[in-house]
Amino acid sequence: MSRKNRSPEEQARRAKIRELLQSSNISSMDDIQNLFKETIAEFMENGLESELDEELGYSKYDYKNKDTDNSRNGH
């Protein structure tokens, strides 16, 4: 099976992932699991923050563009 041609963006992402793995000093399966947990948590937090920005119509701390009564405080 041949490797598919990867875009420059994908190659850059893979290089960053390799760099992260090398710099994380992984020595056991637990280290890998903890790294995955941290990575997934970061993705989820960023995704939820982006979703909230889109729903409210303004980003965090950008009160000048706030055209809604909704707040970012959970209410």
C-alpha atoms as a PDB file:
ATOM      1  CA  MET A   1       0.000   0.000   0.000  1.00  0.00           C
ATOM      2  CA  SER A   2       1.450   3.367  -0.971  1.00  0.00           C
ATOM      3  CA  ARG A   3       1.286   6.496   1.143  1.00  0.00           C
ATOM      4  CA  LYS A   4      -1.084   9.106  -0.116  1.00  0.00           C
ATOM      5  CA  ASN A   5       0.240  12.496  -1.072  1.00  0.00           C
ATOM      6  CA  ARG A   6      -0.137  14.811   1.881  1.00  0.00           C
ATOM      7  CA  SER A   7      -0.769  18.504   1.625  1.00  0.00           C
ATOM      8  CA  PRO A   8       1.813  20.910   3.031  1.00  0.00           C
ATOM      9  CA  GLU A   9      -0.631  21.769   5.840  1.00  0.00           C
ATOM     10  CA  GLU A  10      -0.975  18.128   6.840  1.00  0.00           C
ATOM     11  CA  GLN A  11       2.778  17.632   6.682  1.00  0.00           C
ATOM     12  CA  ALA A  12       3.256  20.669   8.937  1.00  0.00           C
ATOM     13  CA  ARG A  13       0.671  19.349  11.433  1.00  0.00           C
ATOM     14  CA  ARG A  14       2.359  15.959  11.503  1.00  0.00           C
ATOM     15  CA  ALA A  15       5.745  17.586  12.086  1.00  0.00           C
ATOM     16  CA  LYS A  16       4.312  19.541  15.028  1.00  0.00           C
ATOM     17  CA  ILE A  17       2.796  16.346  16.449  1.00  0.00           C
ATOM     18  CA  ARG A  18       6.148  14.557  16.168  1.00  0.00           C
ATOM     19  CA  GLU A  19       7.846  17.511  17.869  1.00  0.00           C
ATOM     20  CA  LEU A  20       5.263  17.443  20.685  1.00  0.00           C
ATOM     21  CA  LEU A  21       5.753  13.713  21.206  1.00  0.00           C
ATOM     22  CA  GLN A  22       9.524  14.088  21.346  1.00  0.00           C
ATOM     23  CA  SER A  23       9.406  17.020  23.752  1.00  0.00           C
ATOM     24  CA  SER A  24       6.843  15.386  26.051  1.00  0.00           C
ATOM     25  CA  ASN A  25       9.332  12.879  27.428  1.00  0.00           C
ATOM     26  CA  ILE A  26       6.952   9.952  27.029  1.00  0.00           C
ATOM     27  CA  SER A  27       8.169   6.832  28.786  1.00  0.00           C
ATOM     28  CA  SER A  28       5.018   4.800  29.359  1.00  0.00           C
ATOM     29  CA  MET A  29       1.513   4.171  28.096  1.00  0.00           C
ATOM     30  CA  ASP A  30       0.175   6.294  30.965  1.00  0.00           C
ATOM     31  CA  ASP A  31       2.182   9.241  29.640  1.00  0.00           C
ATOM     32  CA  ILE A  32       0.587   8.762  26.202  1.00  0.00           C
ATOM     33  CA  GLN A  33      -2.901   8.551  27.706  1.00  0.00           C
ATOM     34  CA  ASN A  34      -2.345  11.718  29.757  1.00  0.00           C
ATOM     35  CA  LEU A  35      -1.096  13.575  26.683  1.00  0.00           C
ATOM     36  CA  PHE A  36      -4.190  12.486  24.724  1.00  0.00           C
ATOM     37  CA  LYS A  37      -6.471  13.565  27.576  1.00  0.00           C
ATOM     38  CA  GLU A  38      -4.854  16.995  27.718  1.00  0.00           C
ATOM     39  CA  THR A  39      -5.017  17.360  23.932  1.00  0.00           C
ATOM     40  CA  ILE A  40      -8.675  16.361  23.721  1.00  0.00           C
ATOM     41  CA  ALA A  41      -9.562  18.681  26.609  1.00  0.00           C
ATOM     42  CA  GLU A  42      -7.868  21.582  24.825  1.00  0.00           C
ATOM     43  CA  PHE A  43      -9.707  20.821  21.568  1.00  0.00           C
ATOM     44  CA  MET A  44     -13.029  20.617  23.388  1.00  0.00           C
ATOM     45  CA  GLU A  45     -12.481  23.890  25.261  1.00  0.00           C
ATOM     46  CA  ASN A  46     -11.497  25.705  22.066  1.00  0.00           C
ATOM     47  CA  GLY A  47     -14.435  24.233  20.160  1.00  0.00           C
ATOM     48  CA  LEU A  48     -16.948  25.196  22.837  1.00  0.00           C
ATOM     49  CA  GLU A  49     -15.483  28.692  23.083  1.00  0.00           C
ATOM     50  CA  SER A  50     -15.776  29.118  19.302  1.00  0.00           C
ATOM     51  CA  GLU A  51     -19.347  27.847  19.374  1.00  0.00           C
ATOM     52  CA  LEU A  52     -20.215  30.366  22.098  1.00  0.00           C
ATOM     53  CA  ASP A  53     -18.555  33.184  20.121  1.00  0.00           C
ATOM     54  CA  GLU A  54     -20.650  32.322  17.080  1.00  0.00           C
ATOM     55  CA  GLU A  55     -23.893  31.938  19.033  1.00  0.00           C
ATOM     56  CA  LEU A  56     -23.545  35.236  20.891  1.00  0.00           C
ATOM     57  CA  GLY A  57     -22.072  37.150  17.969  1.00  0.00           C
ATOM     58  CA  TYR A  58     -19.054  38.500  19.831  1.00  0.00           C
ATOM     59  CA  SER A  59     -15.870  37.047  21.230  1.00  0.00           C
ATOM     60  CA  LYS A  60     -14.749  36.992  24.824  1.00  0.00           C
ATOM     61  CA  TYR A  61     -13.853  40.474  26.144  1.00  0.00           C
ATOM     62  CA  ASP A  62     -15.205  42.099  22.942  1.00  0.00           C
ATOM     63  CA  TYR A  63     -18.012  44.109  24.494  1.00  0.00           C
ATOM     64  CA  LYS A  64     -17.904  46.805  21.800  1.00  0.00           C
ATOM     65  CA  ASN A  65     -19.517  44.411  19.290  1.00  0.00           C
ATOM     66  CA  LYS A  66     -22.063  43.023  21.733  1.00  0.00           C
ATOM     67  CA  ASP A  67     -25.527  43.332  20.153  1.00  0.00           C
ATOM     68  CA  THR A  68     -27.361  40.974  22.498  1.00  0.00           C
ATOM     69  CA  ASP A  69     -28.666  40.740  26.042  1.00  0.00           C
ATOM     70  CA  ASN A  70     -27.034  37.316  26.403  1.00  0.00           C
ATOM     71  CA  SER A  71     -23.944  37.160  28.552  1.00  0.00           C
ATOM     72  CA  ARG A  72     -20.930  34.910  28.655  1.00  0.00           C
ATOM     73  CA  ASN A  73     -21.423  34.225  32.361  1.00  0.00           C
ATOM     74  CA  GLY A  74     -23.649  31.184  31.803  1.00  0.00           C
ATOM     75  CA  HIS A  75     -26.993  32.963  32.176  1.00  0.00           C
END
